């Protein structure tokens, strides 16, 4: 397998990918509702591939679409999300899609390695499909995190003494 190519700048790292989404009609449902999943992530050799959608498989049960021209973008402010993803044992990529889970067609909008970003999109009721991150991409994300992530040191804050600062307590103490 050739090495993954990516573009790096001071602001971000861009890893070009293509995504294969799979639709299976739910045979248990009387309405034949679709079940969507991320079937594959393909790390591209170069960026700048035109965004396109192509039907690549249809056997009556499974339909697969290849979406080209996508990318995984790594930003410095997302390092904590990448870090926890890498520590999870099985790191994932998250494909965020527009559409409804019951739609016969959905469209991937972006791919992220940030668990926090994926969770935010799920809370915004977007479709988020997960797929295991390829090993070579794990290496790139790990190098990025090691280079740019500085864990925030948790500080124990001193508790404020609300009772001694309370105007009510001061007034009642003066009466006695």
N, C-alpha and C. Protein backbone atom coordinates (compact mmCIF):
# COMPACT_ATOMS: atom_id res chain seq x y z
N UNK A 1 0.85 -1.18 0.00
CA UNK A 1 0.00 0.00 0.00
C UNK A 1 0.89 1.23 0.00
N UNK A 2 0.68 2.17 -0.93
CA UNK A 2 1.50 3.36 -0.97
C UNK A 2 1.24 4.25 0.24
N UNK A 3 2.23 5.09 0.55
CA UNK A 3 2.07 6.01 1.67
C UNK A 3 0.95 6.99 1.39
N UNK A 4 0.32 7.44 2.47
CA UNK A 4 -0.74 8.43 2.36
C UNK A 4 -0.10 9.79 2.11
N UNK A 5 -0.63 10.51 1.17
CA UNK A 5 -0.16 11.86 0.88
C UNK A 5 -1.06 12.84 1.63
N UNK A 6 -0.46 13.92 2.12
CA UNK A 6 -1.27 14.93 2.79
C UNK A 6 -0.60 16.28 2.64
N UNK A 7 -1.42 17.32 2.83
CA UNK A 7 -0.92 18.69 2.77
C UNK A 7 -0.89 19.23 4.19
N UNK A 8 0.19 19.90 4.54
CA UNK A 8 0.31 20.46 5.88
C UNK A 8 0.63 21.93 5.79
N UNK A 9 -0.02 22.70 6.64
CA UNK A 9 0.29 24.12 6.78
C UNK A 9 0.35 24.41 8.27
N UNK A 10 0.63 25.64 8.61
CA UNK A 10 0.68 26.03 10.01
C UNK A 10 -0.70 25.85 10.66
N UNK A 11 -1.75 26.01 9.87
CA UNK A 11 -3.12 26.01 10.39
C UNK A 11 -3.75 24.62 10.45
N UNK A 12 -3.43 23.75 9.47
CA UNK A 12 -4.13 22.48 9.39
C UNK A 12 -3.34 21.45 8.58
N UNK A 13 -3.75 20.20 8.72
CA UNK A 13 -3.27 19.11 7.87
C UNK A 13 -4.48 18.59 7.12
N UNK A 14 -4.34 18.41 5.80
CA UNK A 14 -5.44 17.94 4.97
C UNK A 14 -5.04 16.60 4.35
N UNK A 15 -5.81 15.56 4.64
CA UNK A 15 -5.56 14.22 4.11
C UNK A 15 -6.69 13.89 3.14
N UNK A 16 -6.39 13.79 1.83
CA UNK A 16 -7.46 13.51 0.86
C UNK A 16 -7.97 12.07 0.99
N UNK A 17 -9.29 11.94 0.98
CA UNK A 17 -9.92 10.62 1.07
C UNK A 17 -11.12 10.53 0.13
N UNK A 18 -11.51 9.32 -0.13
CA UNK A 18 -12.80 9.03 -0.76
C UNK A 18 -13.55 8.13 0.22
N UNK A 19 -14.86 8.18 0.16
CA UNK A 19 -15.71 7.46 1.10
C UNK A 19 -16.66 6.56 0.32
N UNK A 20 -16.81 5.34 0.79
CA UNK A 20 -17.83 4.44 0.23
C UNK A 20 -18.92 4.28 1.28
N UNK A 21 -20.14 4.72 0.92
CA UNK A 21 -21.30 4.56 1.79
C UNK A 21 -22.14 3.40 1.28
N UNK A 22 -22.67 2.64 2.22
CA UNK A 22 -23.48 1.48 1.85
C UNK A 22 -24.89 1.64 2.40
N UNK A 23 -25.86 1.32 1.54
CA UNK A 23 -27.27 1.33 1.95
C UNK A 23 -27.80 -0.10 1.85
N UNK A 24 -28.45 -0.54 2.92
CA UNK A 24 -29.12 -1.84 2.92
C UNK A 24 -30.56 -1.59 3.32
N UNK A 25 -31.49 -2.15 2.58
CA UNK A 25 -32.89 -2.00 2.94
C UNK A 25 -33.22 -2.96 4.07
N UNK A 26 -33.88 -2.44 5.09
CA UNK A 26 -34.21 -3.22 6.28
C UNK A 26 -35.32 -4.22 5.94
N UNK A 27 -34.97 -5.49 5.89
CA UNK A 27 -35.95 -6.52 5.53
C UNK A 27 -36.96 -6.76 6.65
N UNK A 28 -36.63 -6.33 7.87
CA UNK A 28 -37.53 -6.48 9.01
C UNK A 28 -38.63 -5.43 9.01
N UNK A 29 -38.40 -4.33 8.32
CA UNK A 29 -39.35 -3.22 8.31
C UNK A 29 -40.36 -3.40 7.17
N UNK A 30 -41.64 -3.24 7.45
CA UNK A 30 -42.63 -3.34 6.38
C UNK A 30 -42.50 -2.21 5.35
N UNK A 31 -41.81 -1.14 5.71
CA UNK A 31 -41.64 -0.01 4.81
C UNK A 31 -40.32 -0.09 4.05
N UNK A 32 -39.49 -1.05 4.36
CA UNK A 32 -38.22 -1.20 3.66
C UNK A 32 -37.30 -0.01 3.88
N UNK A 33 -37.18 0.42 5.14
CA UNK A 33 -36.35 1.58 5.45
C UNK A 33 -34.87 1.26 5.24
N UNK A 34 -34.11 2.24 4.77
CA UNK A 34 -32.68 1.99 4.53
C UNK A 34 -31.87 2.02 5.83
N UNK A 35 -30.80 1.26 5.84
CA UNK A 35 -29.81 1.30 6.92
C UNK A 35 -28.51 1.73 6.26
N UNK A 36 -27.97 2.86 6.70
CA UNK A 36 -26.74 3.40 6.11
C UNK A 36 -25.54 3.04 6.96
N UNK A 37 -24.41 2.81 6.30
CA UNK A 37 -23.15 2.58 7.01
C UNK A 37 -22.00 3.08 6.15
N UNK A 38 -20.90 3.40 6.82
CA UNK A 38 -19.66 3.74 6.10
C UNK A 38 -19.00 2.40 5.80
N UNK A 39 -18.82 2.11 4.53
CA UNK A 39 -18.30 0.81 4.11
C UNK A 39 -16.77 0.83 3.99
N UNK A 40 -16.23 1.95 3.49
CA UNK A 40 -14.77 2.02 3.31
C UNK A 40 -14.32 3.47 3.26
N UNK A 41 -13.08 3.68 3.70
CA UNK A 41 -12.38 4.96 3.54
C UNK A 41 -11.16 4.65 2.69
N UNK A 42 -11.00 5.40 1.63
CA UNK A 42 -9.87 5.20 0.73
C UNK A 42 -8.96 6.42 0.84
N UNK A 43 -7.74 6.21 1.28
CA UNK A 43 -6.77 7.30 1.37
C UNK A 43 -6.22 7.54 -0.03
N UNK A 44 -6.40 8.75 -0.52
CA UNK A 44 -6.00 9.07 -1.89
C UNK A 44 -4.51 9.40 -1.95
N UNK A 45 -3.93 9.21 -3.14
CA UNK A 45 -2.51 9.48 -3.35
C UNK A 45 -2.24 10.96 -3.52
N UNK A 46 -3.26 11.72 -3.93
CA UNK A 46 -3.07 13.16 -4.13
C UNK A 46 -4.36 13.89 -3.83
N UNK A 47 -4.24 15.17 -3.52
CA UNK A 47 -5.42 15.98 -3.27
C UNK A 47 -5.88 16.60 -4.59
N UNK A 48 -7.01 17.26 -4.54
CA UNK A 48 -7.51 17.93 -5.73
C UNK A 48 -8.36 17.05 -6.61
N UNK A 49 -8.72 15.86 -6.14
CA UNK A 49 -9.61 15.00 -6.91
C UNK A 49 -11.00 15.62 -6.88
N UNK A 50 -11.65 15.66 -8.02
CA UNK A 50 -12.96 16.29 -8.13
C UNK A 50 -13.99 15.57 -7.25
N UNK A 51 -14.85 16.38 -6.63
CA UNK A 51 -15.93 15.81 -5.83
C UNK A 51 -16.95 15.17 -6.77
N UNK A 52 -17.27 13.93 -6.48
CA UNK A 52 -18.18 13.20 -7.37
C UNK A 52 -18.83 12.06 -6.59
N UNK A 53 -19.96 11.60 -7.10
CA UNK A 53 -20.66 10.44 -6.53
C UNK A 53 -20.82 9.42 -7.65
N UNK A 54 -20.50 8.15 -7.32
CA UNK A 54 -20.59 7.11 -8.34
C UNK A 54 -21.17 5.84 -7.70
N UNK A 55 -22.15 5.25 -8.36
CA UNK A 55 -22.68 3.96 -7.93
C UNK A 55 -21.65 2.90 -8.29
N UNK A 56 -21.18 2.14 -7.29
CA UNK A 56 -20.15 1.13 -7.59
C UNK A 56 -20.62 -0.30 -7.34
N UNK A 57 -21.80 -0.45 -6.70
CA UNK A 57 -22.29 -1.80 -6.42
C UNK A 57 -23.79 -1.74 -6.19
N UNK A 58 -24.51 -2.69 -6.77
CA UNK A 58 -25.95 -2.83 -6.52
C UNK A 58 -26.33 -4.27 -6.81
N UNK A 59 -26.55 -5.04 -5.74
CA UNK A 59 -26.92 -6.44 -5.94
C UNK A 59 -28.36 -6.71 -5.50
N UNK A 60 -29.13 -5.65 -5.33
CA UNK A 60 -30.51 -5.81 -4.90
C UNK A 60 -30.67 -5.73 -3.39
N UNK A 61 -29.64 -6.08 -2.65
CA UNK A 61 -29.66 -5.98 -1.19
C UNK A 61 -28.81 -4.82 -0.71
N UNK A 62 -27.60 -4.74 -1.24
CA UNK A 62 -26.67 -3.69 -0.86
C UNK A 62 -26.42 -2.77 -2.05
N UNK A 63 -26.42 -1.48 -1.76
CA UNK A 63 -26.07 -0.47 -2.76
C UNK A 63 -24.91 0.33 -2.18
N UNK A 64 -23.84 0.49 -2.95
CA UNK A 64 -22.67 1.23 -2.47
C UNK A 64 -22.37 2.38 -3.42
N UNK A 65 -22.09 3.54 -2.80
CA UNK A 65 -21.75 4.74 -3.54
C UNK A 65 -20.34 5.18 -3.15
N UNK A 66 -19.55 5.54 -4.13
CA UNK A 66 -18.22 6.10 -3.91
C UNK A 66 -18.32 7.61 -4.01
N UNK A 67 -17.90 8.29 -2.96
CA UNK A 67 -17.85 9.75 -2.94
C UNK A 67 -16.39 10.16 -2.95
N UNK A 68 -15.97 10.86 -3.99
CA UNK A 68 -14.58 11.30 -4.11
C UNK A 68 -14.47 12.78 -3.74
N UNK A 69 -13.22 13.24 -3.64
CA UNK A 69 -12.96 14.66 -3.39
C UNK A 69 -13.17 15.11 -1.97
N UNK A 70 -13.15 14.20 -1.03
CA UNK A 70 -13.33 14.56 0.38
C UNK A 70 -11.96 14.60 1.06
N UNK A 71 -11.94 15.03 2.31
CA UNK A 71 -10.68 15.07 3.04
C UNK A 71 -10.94 14.99 4.54
N UNK A 72 -9.92 14.57 5.25
CA UNK A 72 -9.90 14.63 6.71
C UNK A 72 -9.00 15.80 7.05
N UNK A 73 -9.52 16.74 7.82
CA UNK A 73 -8.75 17.94 8.19
C UNK A 73 -8.44 17.88 9.68
N UNK A 74 -7.18 18.10 10.00
CA UNK A 74 -6.74 18.11 11.39
C UNK A 74 -6.41 19.55 11.77
N UNK A 75 -7.04 20.04 12.83
CA UNK A 75 -6.81 21.39 13.32
C UNK A 75 -6.24 21.32 14.73
N UNK A 76 -5.43 22.31 15.08
CA UNK A 76 -4.80 22.31 16.41
C UNK A 76 -5.83 22.33 17.53
N UNK A 77 -6.94 23.04 17.34
CA UNK A 77 -7.92 23.11 18.42
C UNK A 77 -8.74 21.82 18.57
N UNK A 78 -8.54 20.86 17.69
CA UNK A 78 -9.23 19.58 17.80
C UNK A 78 -8.38 18.48 18.39
N UNK A 79 -7.18 18.83 18.85
CA UNK A 79 -6.23 17.82 19.31
C UNK A 79 -6.75 16.94 20.44
N UNK A 80 -7.50 17.52 21.36
CA UNK A 80 -7.99 16.71 22.47
C UNK A 80 -8.94 15.62 21.97
N UNK A 81 -9.81 15.97 21.02
CA UNK A 81 -10.72 14.98 20.43
C UNK A 81 -9.98 13.89 19.69
N UNK A 82 -8.91 14.27 18.96
CA UNK A 82 -8.10 13.27 18.25
C UNK A 82 -7.40 12.35 19.25
N UNK A 83 -6.88 12.98 20.31
CA UNK A 83 -6.13 12.25 21.33
C UNK A 83 -7.01 11.16 21.96
N UNK A 84 -8.21 11.54 22.39
CA UNK A 84 -9.09 10.56 23.03
C UNK A 84 -9.54 9.49 22.04
N UNK A 85 -9.69 9.86 20.78
CA UNK A 85 -10.02 8.88 19.75
C UNK A 85 -8.90 7.85 19.62
N UNK A 86 -7.66 8.32 19.59
CA UNK A 86 -6.51 7.41 19.47
C UNK A 86 -6.38 6.51 20.69
N UNK A 87 -6.73 7.03 21.87
CA UNK A 87 -6.62 6.25 23.11
C UNK A 87 -7.74 5.22 23.26
N UNK A 88 -8.75 5.29 22.43
CA UNK A 88 -9.94 4.45 22.60
C UNK A 88 -9.70 2.97 22.32
N UNK A 89 -8.53 2.62 21.82
CA UNK A 89 -8.26 1.22 21.48
C UNK A 89 -8.50 0.95 20.01
N UNK A 90 -9.64 1.38 19.50
CA UNK A 90 -9.95 1.28 18.07
C UNK A 90 -10.33 2.67 17.58
N UNK A 91 -9.37 3.42 17.03
CA UNK A 91 -9.69 4.77 16.54
C UNK A 91 -10.63 4.71 15.32
N UNK A 92 -11.53 5.66 15.27
CA UNK A 92 -12.51 5.73 14.19
C UNK A 92 -12.40 7.04 13.43
N UNK A 93 -12.87 7.01 12.21
CA UNK A 93 -13.18 8.21 11.45
C UNK A 93 -14.70 8.32 11.45
N UNK A 94 -15.18 9.55 11.42
CA UNK A 94 -16.61 9.80 11.47
C UNK A 94 -17.02 10.53 10.20
N UNK A 95 -17.95 9.95 9.46
CA UNK A 95 -18.44 10.53 8.22
C UNK A 95 -19.75 11.24 8.55
N UNK A 96 -19.74 12.57 8.46
CA UNK A 96 -20.92 13.38 8.77
C UNK A 96 -21.69 13.62 7.49
N UNK A 97 -22.99 13.28 7.51
CA UNK A 97 -23.80 13.32 6.29
C UNK A 97 -25.04 14.20 6.48
N UNK A 98 -25.49 14.78 5.38
CA UNK A 98 -26.76 15.48 5.34
C UNK A 98 -27.83 14.51 4.88
N UNK A 99 -29.02 14.69 5.40
CA UNK A 99 -30.14 13.83 5.03
C UNK A 99 -30.75 13.24 6.29
N UNK A 100 -31.72 12.40 6.09
CA UNK A 100 -32.39 11.72 7.18
C UNK A 100 -32.02 10.24 7.13
N UNK A 101 -31.94 9.57 8.27
CA UNK A 101 -31.61 8.15 8.26
C UNK A 101 -32.57 7.32 7.42
N UNK A 102 -33.78 7.82 7.21
CA UNK A 102 -34.78 7.08 6.43
C UNK A 102 -34.76 7.43 4.95
N UNK A 103 -33.87 8.35 4.55
CA UNK A 103 -33.78 8.74 3.14
C UNK A 103 -33.09 7.66 2.32
N UNK A 104 -33.52 7.53 1.08
CA UNK A 104 -32.87 6.58 0.17
C UNK A 104 -31.54 7.13 -0.33
N UNK A 105 -31.32 8.43 -0.19
CA UNK A 105 -30.06 9.07 -0.58
C UNK A 105 -29.61 9.96 0.57
N UNK A 106 -28.35 9.87 0.95
CA UNK A 106 -27.74 10.81 1.87
C UNK A 106 -26.44 11.29 1.23
N UNK A 107 -25.92 12.40 1.74
CA UNK A 107 -24.70 12.96 1.15
C UNK A 107 -23.67 13.25 2.23
N UNK A 108 -22.48 12.66 2.11
CA UNK A 108 -21.44 12.98 3.09
C UNK A 108 -20.97 14.42 2.92
N UNK A 109 -20.83 15.11 4.04
CA UNK A 109 -20.42 16.51 4.02
C UNK A 109 -18.93 16.63 4.34
N UNK A 110 -18.49 15.91 5.38
CA UNK A 110 -17.07 15.90 5.73
C UNK A 110 -16.75 14.66 6.55
N UNK A 111 -15.46 14.42 6.70
CA UNK A 111 -14.96 13.29 7.48
C UNK A 111 -14.06 13.88 8.56
N UNK A 112 -14.21 13.41 9.79
CA UNK A 112 -13.40 13.92 10.89
C UNK A 112 -12.86 12.78 11.75
N UNK A 113 -11.75 13.05 12.41
CA UNK A 113 -11.19 12.12 13.39
C UNK A 113 -11.49 12.59 14.81
N UNK A 114 -12.22 13.70 14.92
CA UNK A 114 -12.49 14.32 16.21
C UNK A 114 -13.82 13.81 16.77
N UNK A 115 -13.75 13.06 17.87
CA UNK A 115 -14.95 12.52 18.50
C UNK A 115 -15.89 13.63 18.96
N UNK A 116 -15.34 14.72 19.48
CA UNK A 116 -16.17 15.81 19.98
C UNK A 116 -16.96 16.45 18.85
N UNK A 117 -16.31 16.65 17.72
CA UNK A 117 -16.99 17.23 16.56
C UNK A 117 -18.10 16.31 16.07
N UNK A 118 -17.83 15.02 16.01
CA UNK A 118 -18.84 14.05 15.58
C UNK A 118 -20.03 14.04 16.54
N UNK A 119 -19.76 14.10 17.83
CA UNK A 119 -20.83 14.12 18.82
C UNK A 119 -21.68 15.37 18.66
N UNK A 120 -21.04 16.51 18.42
CA UNK A 120 -21.78 17.75 18.20
C UNK A 120 -22.70 17.66 17.00
N UNK A 121 -22.22 17.03 15.94
CA UNK A 121 -23.06 16.87 14.76
C UNK A 121 -24.21 15.89 15.01
N UNK A 122 -23.97 14.87 15.80
CA UNK A 122 -25.06 13.95 16.16
C UNK A 122 -26.12 14.68 16.97
N UNK A 123 -25.69 15.54 17.89
CA UNK A 123 -26.64 16.31 18.69
C UNK A 123 -27.43 17.29 17.84
N UNK A 124 -26.84 17.72 16.72
CA UNK A 124 -27.53 18.60 15.78
C UNK A 124 -28.38 17.80 14.79
N UNK A 125 -28.54 16.51 15.08
CA UNK A 125 -29.37 15.59 14.31
C UNK A 125 -28.89 15.37 12.88
N UNK A 126 -27.58 15.42 12.69
CA UNK A 126 -27.01 15.00 11.42
C UNK A 126 -26.69 13.51 11.52
N UNK A 127 -26.59 12.88 10.37
CA UNK A 127 -26.21 11.47 10.34
C UNK A 127 -24.70 11.39 10.50
N UNK A 128 -24.23 10.59 11.45
CA UNK A 128 -22.80 10.38 11.65
C UNK A 128 -22.54 8.88 11.58
N UNK A 129 -21.74 8.49 10.60
CA UNK A 129 -21.39 7.09 10.40
C UNK A 129 -19.93 6.90 10.79
N UNK A 130 -19.63 5.83 11.48
CA UNK A 130 -18.24 5.61 11.92
C UNK A 130 -17.63 4.45 11.16
N UNK A 131 -16.32 4.54 10.99
CA UNK A 131 -15.57 3.48 10.34
C UNK A 131 -14.17 3.46 10.97
N UNK A 132 -13.61 2.28 11.10
CA UNK A 132 -12.28 2.14 11.70
C UNK A 132 -11.26 2.93 10.87
N UNK A 133 -10.43 3.69 11.58
CA UNK A 133 -9.41 4.50 10.92
C UNK A 133 -8.29 3.60 10.38
N UNK A 134 -7.91 3.80 9.11
CA UNK A 134 -6.79 3.01 8.57
C UNK A 134 -5.51 3.25 9.38
N UNK A 135 -4.69 2.20 9.51
CA UNK A 135 -3.47 2.28 10.33
C UNK A 135 -2.55 3.43 9.91
N UNK A 136 -2.35 3.60 8.60
CA UNK A 136 -1.45 4.66 8.15
C UNK A 136 -1.99 6.04 8.50
N UNK A 137 -3.32 6.19 8.48
CA UNK A 137 -3.89 7.47 8.88
C UNK A 137 -3.76 7.65 10.39
N UNK A 138 -3.87 6.56 11.15
CA UNK A 138 -3.64 6.63 12.61
C UNK A 138 -2.26 7.20 12.89
N UNK A 139 -1.27 6.75 12.12
CA UNK A 139 0.09 7.23 12.31
C UNK A 139 0.19 8.73 12.06
N UNK A 140 -0.48 9.23 11.02
CA UNK A 140 -0.45 10.67 10.72
C UNK A 140 -1.13 11.44 11.84
N UNK A 141 -2.31 10.98 12.28
CA UNK A 141 -3.04 11.67 13.35
C UNK A 141 -2.22 11.64 14.63
N UNK A 142 -1.60 10.50 14.93
CA UNK A 142 -0.78 10.39 16.13
C UNK A 142 0.41 11.36 16.09
N UNK A 143 1.09 11.42 14.96
CA UNK A 143 2.21 12.37 14.83
C UNK A 143 1.73 13.81 15.00
N UNK A 144 0.58 14.11 14.42
CA UNK A 144 0.02 15.47 14.53
C UNK A 144 -0.28 15.81 15.99
N UNK A 145 -0.91 14.87 16.70
CA UNK A 145 -1.26 15.11 18.10
C UNK A 145 -0.01 15.25 18.95
N UNK A 146 0.96 14.37 18.76
CA UNK A 146 2.19 14.43 19.54
C UNK A 146 2.92 15.74 19.29
N UNK A 147 2.87 16.24 18.08
CA UNK A 147 3.55 17.49 17.73
C UNK A 147 2.83 18.71 18.29
N UNK A 148 1.49 18.70 18.27
CA UNK A 148 0.73 19.93 18.55
C UNK A 148 -0.07 19.92 19.85
N UNK A 149 -0.26 18.79 20.49
CA UNK A 149 -1.15 18.74 21.65
C UNK A 149 -0.39 18.88 22.94
N UNK A 150 -0.81 19.84 23.74
CA UNK A 150 -0.28 20.01 25.08
C UNK A 150 -1.49 19.88 26.02
N UNK A 151 -1.57 18.76 26.76
CA UNK A 151 -2.72 18.58 27.64
C UNK A 151 -2.82 19.72 28.64
N UNK A 152 -4.04 20.14 28.87
CA UNK A 152 -4.27 21.21 29.83
C UNK A 152 -4.10 20.65 31.24
N UNK A 153 -3.27 21.30 32.02
CA UNK A 153 -3.05 20.87 33.39
C UNK A 153 -4.27 21.25 34.21
N UNK A 154 -4.86 20.26 34.84
CA UNK A 154 -6.04 20.51 35.67
C UNK A 154 -5.58 21.12 36.98
N UNK A 155 -6.16 22.26 37.30
CA UNK A 155 -5.82 22.94 38.55
C UNK A 155 -7.00 22.86 39.49
N UNK A 156 -6.70 22.58 40.73
CA UNK A 156 -7.75 22.60 41.73
C UNK A 156 -7.95 24.05 42.15
N UNK A 157 -9.15 24.49 41.99
CA UNK A 157 -9.40 25.89 42.34
C UNK A 157 -9.73 25.99 43.83
N UNK A 158 -9.37 27.10 44.38
CA UNK A 158 -9.66 27.33 45.78
C UNK A 158 -11.13 27.72 45.90
N UNK A 159 -11.79 27.08 46.82
CA UNK A 159 -13.20 27.37 47.01
C UNK A 159 -13.37 28.75 47.63
N UNK A 160 -14.40 29.41 47.16
CA UNK A 160 -14.69 30.74 47.67
C UNK A 160 -15.47 30.58 48.98
N UNK A 161 -15.14 31.41 49.94
CA UNK A 161 -15.83 31.37 51.23
C UNK A 161 -17.05 32.27 51.13
N UNK A 162 -18.15 31.69 50.69
CA UNK A 162 -19.37 32.46 50.45
C UNK A 162 -19.98 32.97 51.76
N UNK A 163 -19.84 32.23 52.81
CA UNK A 163 -20.47 32.62 54.08
C UNK A 163 -19.83 33.89 54.63
N UNK A 164 -18.51 33.94 54.66
CA UNK A 164 -17.85 35.12 55.24
C UNK A 164 -18.04 36.36 54.36
N UNK A 165 -18.29 36.18 53.08
CA UNK A 165 -18.48 37.32 52.19
C UNK A 165 -19.94 37.73 52.05
N UNK A 166 -20.84 37.00 52.66
CA UNK A 166 -22.26 37.26 52.51
C UNK A 166 -22.67 38.49 53.30
N UNK A 167 -23.35 39.40 52.64
CA UNK A 167 -23.86 40.60 53.31
C UNK A 167 -24.92 40.22 54.34
N UNK A 168 -25.70 39.21 54.04
CA UNK A 168 -26.74 38.76 54.96
C UNK A 168 -26.12 38.25 56.25
N UNK A 169 -25.06 37.45 56.14
CA UNK A 169 -24.41 36.90 57.32
C UNK A 169 -23.79 38.03 58.13
N UNK A 170 -23.19 39.02 57.47
CA UNK A 170 -22.58 40.14 58.18
C UNK A 170 -23.63 40.92 58.97
N UNK A 171 -24.81 41.13 58.37
CA UNK A 171 -25.88 41.86 59.06
C UNK A 171 -26.41 41.08 60.25
N UNK A 172 -26.59 39.79 60.10
CA UNK A 172 -27.12 38.98 61.20
C UNK A 172 -26.10 38.80 62.30
N UNK A 173 -24.80 38.78 61.96
CA UNK A 173 -23.77 38.65 62.98
C UNK A 173 -23.69 39.90 63.84
N UNK A 174 -23.97 41.06 63.28
CA UNK A 174 -23.90 42.32 64.02
C UNK A 174 -25.04 42.47 65.01
N UNK A 175 -26.13 41.74 64.84
CA UNK A 175 -27.28 41.85 65.74
C UNK A 175 -27.01 41.15 67.07
N UNK A 176 -26.18 40.19 67.11
CA UNK A 176 -25.96 39.41 68.33
C UNK A 176 -24.93 40.01 69.19
